[in-house]
């Protein structure tokens, strides 16, 4: 499918950034400073970033599980970044926009590519 490689690379890149940011929040503020909310938000960020990373790898290797991973990523990532970026303002607006918008674009991309594969 056309555009699959850039989507996979961006998914891996954004997933790694979300994972690293969540881990930093979780470790430094959550564990070392003993703050409860940063620990919870960090864990959610690590999970959301890990799922986006896994979806990107699955897209890169053209796995059959890519649409399922993309949907799972959207179900985890969108509420996580609405909570951490929009409601509590713990995450900055760029990663909030990426964390909400990119998984939804990934789901749309997987849906469209699956539709195209069925037609051919």
N, C-alpha and C. Protein backbone atom coordinates (compact mmCIF):
# COMPACT_ATOMS: atom_id res chain seq x y z
N UNK A 1 0.84 -1.19 0.00
CA UNK A 1 0.00 0.00 0.00
C UNK A 1 0.88 1.24 0.00
N UNK A 2 0.51 2.17 -0.81
CA UNK A 2 1.25 3.41 -0.92
C UNK A 2 1.16 4.20 0.38
N UNK A 3 2.30 4.68 0.86
CA UNK A 3 2.34 5.46 2.09
C UNK A 3 2.52 4.62 3.34
N UNK A 4 2.68 3.32 3.19
CA UNK A 4 2.78 2.45 4.35
C UNK A 4 4.10 2.68 5.11
N UNK A 5 5.20 2.83 4.39
CA UNK A 5 6.50 3.02 5.03
C UNK A 5 6.56 4.33 5.83
N UNK A 6 6.13 5.47 5.30
CA UNK A 6 6.15 6.69 6.12
C UNK A 6 5.26 6.59 7.36
N UNK A 7 4.09 5.97 7.21
CA UNK A 7 3.20 5.80 8.36
C UNK A 7 3.85 4.91 9.42
N UNK A 8 4.50 3.85 8.99
CA UNK A 8 5.17 2.95 9.92
C UNK A 8 6.31 3.66 10.65
N UNK A 9 7.11 4.43 9.91
CA UNK A 9 8.24 5.13 10.52
C UNK A 9 7.75 6.21 11.50
N UNK A 10 6.72 6.95 11.11
CA UNK A 10 6.17 7.96 12.03
C UNK A 10 5.55 7.31 13.27
N UNK A 11 4.90 6.17 13.09
CA UNK A 11 4.34 5.46 14.25
C UNK A 11 5.43 5.04 15.21
N UNK A 12 6.51 4.51 14.68
CA UNK A 12 7.62 4.08 15.53
C UNK A 12 8.25 5.29 16.22
N UNK A 13 8.46 6.37 15.49
CA UNK A 13 9.06 7.57 16.06
C UNK A 13 8.18 8.19 17.14
N UNK A 14 6.89 8.39 16.84
CA UNK A 14 5.99 8.98 17.82
C UNK A 14 5.79 8.05 19.02
N UNK A 15 5.72 6.75 18.77
CA UNK A 15 5.59 5.79 19.87
C UNK A 15 6.78 5.84 20.81
N UNK A 16 7.99 5.93 20.24
CA UNK A 16 9.19 6.02 21.07
C UNK A 16 9.21 7.32 21.88
N UNK A 17 8.78 8.42 21.27
CA UNK A 17 8.72 9.70 22.00
C UNK A 17 7.70 9.66 23.13
N UNK A 18 6.53 9.09 22.87
CA UNK A 18 5.52 8.97 23.91
C UNK A 18 6.01 8.06 25.03
N UNK A 19 6.64 6.96 24.67
CA UNK A 19 7.16 6.01 25.65
C UNK A 19 8.21 6.69 26.53
N UNK A 20 9.14 7.42 25.91
CA UNK A 20 10.21 8.07 26.67
C UNK A 20 9.65 9.17 27.58
N UNK A 21 8.71 9.95 27.07
CA UNK A 21 8.10 11.00 27.90
C UNK A 21 7.32 10.43 29.07
N UNK A 22 6.57 9.35 28.81
CA UNK A 22 5.83 8.70 29.89
C UNK A 22 6.76 8.09 30.92
N UNK A 23 7.85 7.48 30.45
CA UNK A 23 8.81 6.87 31.38
C UNK A 23 9.49 7.93 32.23
N UNK A 24 9.82 9.06 31.63
CA UNK A 24 10.45 10.15 32.38
C UNK A 24 9.50 10.66 33.46
N UNK A 25 8.25 10.88 33.09
CA UNK A 25 7.25 11.35 34.06
C UNK A 25 7.05 10.33 35.17
N UNK A 26 6.94 9.06 34.78
CA UNK A 26 6.70 8.00 35.74
C UNK A 26 7.87 7.84 36.70
N UNK A 27 9.09 7.83 36.18
CA UNK A 27 10.26 7.57 37.03
C UNK A 27 10.61 8.80 37.88
N UNK A 28 10.78 9.95 37.23
CA UNK A 28 11.28 11.10 37.98
C UNK A 28 10.24 11.66 38.96
N UNK A 29 9.06 11.99 38.46
CA UNK A 29 8.06 12.58 39.35
C UNK A 29 7.26 11.53 40.12
N UNK A 30 6.97 10.42 39.45
CA UNK A 30 6.12 9.42 40.09
C UNK A 30 6.83 8.59 41.14
N UNK A 31 8.00 8.05 40.77
CA UNK A 31 8.70 7.17 41.70
C UNK A 31 9.64 7.94 42.61
N UNK A 32 10.52 8.78 42.03
CA UNK A 32 11.52 9.46 42.84
C UNK A 32 10.94 10.58 43.69
N UNK A 33 9.92 11.27 43.21
CA UNK A 33 9.31 12.36 43.97
C UNK A 33 8.04 11.92 44.70
N UNK A 34 7.64 10.69 44.51
CA UNK A 34 6.48 10.08 45.19
C UNK A 34 5.18 10.84 44.96
N UNK A 35 4.97 11.29 43.73
CA UNK A 35 3.71 11.94 43.38
C UNK A 35 2.82 10.93 42.67
N UNK A 36 1.57 10.88 43.08
CA UNK A 36 0.67 9.86 42.58
C UNK A 36 0.22 10.09 41.15
N UNK A 37 -0.25 11.29 40.84
CA UNK A 37 -0.77 11.52 39.49
C UNK A 37 0.29 11.38 38.40
N UNK A 38 1.52 11.92 38.58
CA UNK A 38 2.52 11.70 37.54
C UNK A 38 2.87 10.22 37.36
N UNK A 39 2.78 9.44 38.41
CA UNK A 39 3.01 8.00 38.28
C UNK A 39 1.94 7.38 37.39
N UNK A 40 0.68 7.72 37.63
CA UNK A 40 -0.42 7.18 36.83
C UNK A 40 -0.36 7.68 35.40
N UNK A 41 -0.12 8.99 35.22
CA UNK A 41 -0.05 9.55 33.87
C UNK A 41 1.15 8.99 33.11
N UNK A 42 2.26 8.78 33.81
CA UNK A 42 3.44 8.20 33.18
C UNK A 42 3.21 6.78 32.72
N UNK A 43 2.55 6.00 33.55
CA UNK A 43 2.24 4.61 33.16
C UNK A 43 1.32 4.60 31.94
N UNK A 44 0.31 5.47 31.92
CA UNK A 44 -0.58 5.56 30.76
C UNK A 44 0.19 5.98 29.51
N UNK A 45 1.13 6.92 29.66
CA UNK A 45 1.95 7.35 28.53
C UNK A 45 2.86 6.25 28.02
N UNK A 46 3.42 5.47 28.93
CA UNK A 46 4.27 4.34 28.53
C UNK A 46 3.45 3.30 27.78
N UNK A 47 2.26 3.00 28.26
CA UNK A 47 1.41 2.01 27.60
C UNK A 47 0.97 2.53 26.22
N UNK A 48 0.54 3.79 26.15
CA UNK A 48 0.12 4.35 24.87
C UNK A 48 1.27 4.40 23.88
N UNK A 49 2.45 4.81 24.33
CA UNK A 49 3.62 4.85 23.46
C UNK A 49 4.04 3.47 23.01
N UNK A 50 3.98 2.51 23.92
CA UNK A 50 4.33 1.13 23.57
C UNK A 50 3.38 0.54 22.54
N UNK A 51 2.10 0.85 22.68
CA UNK A 51 1.13 0.34 21.71
C UNK A 51 1.33 0.98 20.34
N UNK A 52 1.62 2.28 20.30
CA UNK A 52 1.88 2.94 19.02
C UNK A 52 3.16 2.41 18.39
N UNK A 53 4.15 2.14 19.20
CA UNK A 53 5.39 1.55 18.72
C UNK A 53 5.14 0.17 18.14
N UNK A 54 4.36 -0.65 18.83
CA UNK A 54 4.02 -1.99 18.34
C UNK A 54 3.21 -1.93 17.05
N UNK A 55 2.28 -0.99 16.97
CA UNK A 55 1.48 -0.85 15.74
C UNK A 55 2.36 -0.42 14.57
N UNK A 56 3.34 0.45 14.83
CA UNK A 56 4.26 0.86 13.78
C UNK A 56 5.12 -0.28 13.29
N UNK A 57 5.60 -1.10 14.21
CA UNK A 57 6.40 -2.26 13.81
C UNK A 57 5.55 -3.25 13.03
N UNK A 58 4.32 -3.47 13.48
CA UNK A 58 3.43 -4.38 12.76
C UNK A 58 3.13 -3.87 11.36
N UNK A 59 2.96 -2.56 11.23
CA UNK A 59 2.73 -1.98 9.91
C UNK A 59 3.97 -2.11 9.04
N UNK A 60 5.14 -1.97 9.63
CA UNK A 60 6.39 -2.06 8.89
C UNK A 60 6.60 -3.46 8.33
N UNK A 61 6.27 -4.48 9.12
CA UNK A 61 6.47 -5.86 8.67
C UNK A 61 5.23 -6.45 7.98
N UNK A 62 4.22 -5.60 7.80
CA UNK A 62 2.98 -5.98 7.10
C UNK A 62 2.27 -7.17 7.78
N UNK A 63 2.13 -7.05 9.07
CA UNK A 63 1.47 -8.09 9.85
C UNK A 63 -0.04 -8.05 9.66
N UNK A 64 -0.68 -9.21 9.82
CA UNK A 64 -2.14 -9.27 9.75
C UNK A 64 -2.77 -8.60 10.95
N UNK A 65 -2.01 -8.43 12.02
CA UNK A 65 -2.54 -7.85 13.26
C UNK A 65 -2.51 -6.32 13.28
N UNK A 66 -2.03 -5.70 12.22
CA UNK A 66 -1.91 -4.25 12.20
C UNK A 66 -3.23 -3.52 12.44
N UNK A 67 -4.33 -3.88 11.77
CA UNK A 67 -5.59 -3.17 12.06
C UNK A 67 -6.04 -3.31 13.52
N UNK A 68 -5.85 -4.48 14.09
CA UNK A 68 -6.22 -4.69 15.49
C UNK A 68 -5.35 -3.86 16.42
N UNK A 69 -4.05 -3.84 16.16
CA UNK A 69 -3.15 -3.03 16.98
C UNK A 69 -3.44 -1.53 16.82
N UNK A 70 -3.79 -1.12 15.61
CA UNK A 70 -4.12 0.29 15.39
C UNK A 70 -5.37 0.69 16.18
N UNK A 71 -6.38 -0.16 16.16
CA UNK A 71 -7.60 0.13 16.93
C UNK A 71 -7.33 0.14 18.43
N UNK A 72 -6.54 -0.81 18.89
CA UNK A 72 -6.18 -0.86 20.31
C UNK A 72 -5.40 0.39 20.71
N UNK A 73 -4.48 0.79 19.85
CA UNK A 73 -3.71 2.00 20.12
C UNK A 73 -4.62 3.22 20.24
N UNK A 74 -5.58 3.33 19.34
CA UNK A 74 -6.50 4.47 19.40
C UNK A 74 -7.35 4.42 20.66
N UNK A 75 -7.82 3.24 21.05
CA UNK A 75 -8.64 3.12 22.25
C UNK A 75 -7.87 3.46 23.52
N UNK A 76 -6.56 3.25 23.51
CA UNK A 76 -5.74 3.57 24.68
C UNK A 76 -5.23 5.00 24.62
N UNK A 77 -4.74 5.40 23.46
CA UNK A 77 -4.04 6.68 23.32
C UNK A 77 -4.97 7.89 23.40
N UNK A 78 -6.11 7.84 22.77
CA UNK A 78 -7.00 9.01 22.75
C UNK A 78 -7.47 9.38 24.17
N UNK A 79 -8.00 8.45 24.97
CA UNK A 79 -8.38 8.84 26.33
C UNK A 79 -7.19 9.26 27.19
N UNK A 80 -6.04 8.61 26.98
CA UNK A 80 -4.85 8.97 27.75
C UNK A 80 -4.46 10.41 27.51
N UNK A 81 -4.41 10.82 26.23
CA UNK A 81 -3.97 12.18 25.94
C UNK A 81 -5.06 13.21 26.15
N UNK A 82 -6.31 12.82 26.12
CA UNK A 82 -7.37 13.75 26.53
C UNK A 82 -7.23 14.03 28.03
N UNK A 83 -6.96 12.99 28.80
CA UNK A 83 -6.81 13.16 30.25
C UNK A 83 -5.55 13.93 30.60
N UNK A 84 -4.40 13.52 30.02
CA UNK A 84 -3.14 14.14 30.43
C UNK A 84 -2.85 15.47 29.74
N UNK A 85 -3.37 15.67 28.53
CA UNK A 85 -3.06 16.90 27.81
C UNK A 85 -4.15 17.94 27.83
N UNK A 86 -5.41 17.50 27.72
CA UNK A 86 -6.51 18.46 27.63
C UNK A 86 -7.07 18.78 29.01
N UNK A 87 -7.33 17.78 29.81
CA UNK A 87 -7.98 18.01 31.10
C UNK A 87 -6.99 18.51 32.16
N UNK A 88 -5.86 17.82 32.32
CA UNK A 88 -4.93 18.19 33.41
C UNK A 88 -3.72 19.00 32.96
N UNK A 89 -3.50 19.14 31.66
CA UNK A 89 -2.40 19.92 31.10
C UNK A 89 -1.03 19.45 31.56
N UNK A 90 -0.86 18.15 31.77
CA UNK A 90 0.46 17.60 32.12
C UNK A 90 1.32 17.41 30.88
N UNK A 91 0.71 17.05 29.77
CA UNK A 91 1.43 16.87 28.52
C UNK A 91 1.31 18.16 27.70
N UNK A 92 2.35 18.46 26.95
CA UNK A 92 2.33 19.65 26.10
C UNK A 92 1.39 19.49 24.93
N UNK A 93 1.03 20.61 24.29
CA UNK A 93 0.05 20.55 23.21
C UNK A 93 0.56 19.80 21.98
N UNK A 94 1.88 19.83 21.63
CA UNK A 94 2.28 19.07 20.45
C UNK A 94 2.10 17.55 20.62
N UNK A 95 2.53 17.02 21.76
CA UNK A 95 2.40 15.57 21.95
C UNK A 95 0.94 15.20 22.20
N UNK A 96 0.16 16.11 22.74
CA UNK A 96 -1.27 15.85 22.91
C UNK A 96 -1.95 15.74 21.55
N UNK A 97 -1.62 16.66 20.65
CA UNK A 97 -2.20 16.61 19.30
C UNK A 97 -1.77 15.35 18.57
N UNK A 98 -0.50 14.97 18.70
CA UNK A 98 -0.02 13.75 18.06
C UNK A 98 -0.66 12.52 18.71
N UNK A 99 -0.74 12.53 20.04
CA UNK A 99 -1.29 11.39 20.77
C UNK A 99 -2.77 11.15 20.50
N UNK A 100 -3.49 12.19 20.15
CA UNK A 100 -4.92 12.05 19.84
C UNK A 100 -5.11 11.81 18.34
N UNK A 101 -4.46 12.62 17.53
CA UNK A 101 -4.71 12.58 16.09
C UNK A 101 -4.05 11.44 15.34
N UNK A 102 -2.80 11.13 15.66
CA UNK A 102 -2.09 10.14 14.86
C UNK A 102 -2.66 8.73 14.97
N UNK A 103 -3.04 8.24 16.17
CA UNK A 103 -3.66 6.92 16.21
C UNK A 103 -4.97 6.85 15.42
N UNK A 104 -5.72 7.93 15.42
CA UNK A 104 -6.95 7.95 14.62
C UNK A 104 -6.63 7.92 13.13
N UNK A 105 -5.59 8.64 12.70
CA UNK A 105 -5.15 8.57 11.31
C UNK A 105 -4.64 7.17 10.96
N UNK A 106 -3.98 6.53 11.90
CA UNK A 106 -3.49 5.16 11.67
C UNK A 106 -4.65 4.19 11.48
N UNK A 107 -5.69 4.33 12.28
CA UNK A 107 -6.87 3.49 12.11
C UNK A 107 -7.51 3.74 10.74
N UNK A 108 -7.64 5.00 10.36
CA UNK A 108 -8.19 5.34 9.06
C UNK A 108 -7.33 4.78 7.93
N UNK A 109 -6.00 4.88 8.07
CA UNK A 109 -5.09 4.35 7.06
C UNK A 109 -5.25 2.84 6.94
N UNK A 110 -5.31 2.13 8.07
CA UNK A 110 -5.46 0.67 8.02
C UNK A 110 -6.80 0.28 7.43
N UNK A 111 -7.84 1.04 7.74
CA UNK A 111 -9.17 0.75 7.19
C UNK A 111 -9.17 0.95 5.69
N UNK A 112 -8.57 2.06 5.22
CA UNK A 112 -8.53 2.34 3.78
C UNK A 112 -7.65 1.34 3.05
N UNK A 113 -6.51 0.96 3.63
CA UNK A 113 -5.65 0.00 2.95
C UNK A 113 -6.29 -1.38 2.92
N UNK A 114 -7.03 -1.75 3.95
CA UNK A 114 -7.75 -3.02 3.93
C UNK A 114 -8.86 -3.01 2.89
N UNK A 115 -9.53 -1.88 2.76
CA UNK A 115 -10.57 -1.74 1.75
C UNK A 115 -9.97 -1.84 0.34
N UNK A 116 -8.80 -1.24 0.15
CA UNK A 116 -8.15 -1.31 -1.16
C UNK A 116 -7.69 -2.72 -1.49
N UNK A 117 -7.22 -3.44 -0.47
CA UNK A 117 -6.75 -4.81 -0.70
C UNK A 117 -7.91 -5.73 -1.08
N UNK A 118 -9.09 -5.48 -0.51
CA UNK A 118 -10.26 -6.31 -0.83
C UNK A 118 -10.71 -6.09 -2.26
N UNK A 119 -10.54 -4.88 -2.79
CA UNK A 119 -10.97 -4.57 -4.15
C UNK A 119 -10.06 -5.18 -5.20
N UNK A 120 -8.78 -5.37 -4.86
CA UNK A 120 -7.85 -5.90 -5.87
C UNK A 120 -7.76 -7.40 -5.90
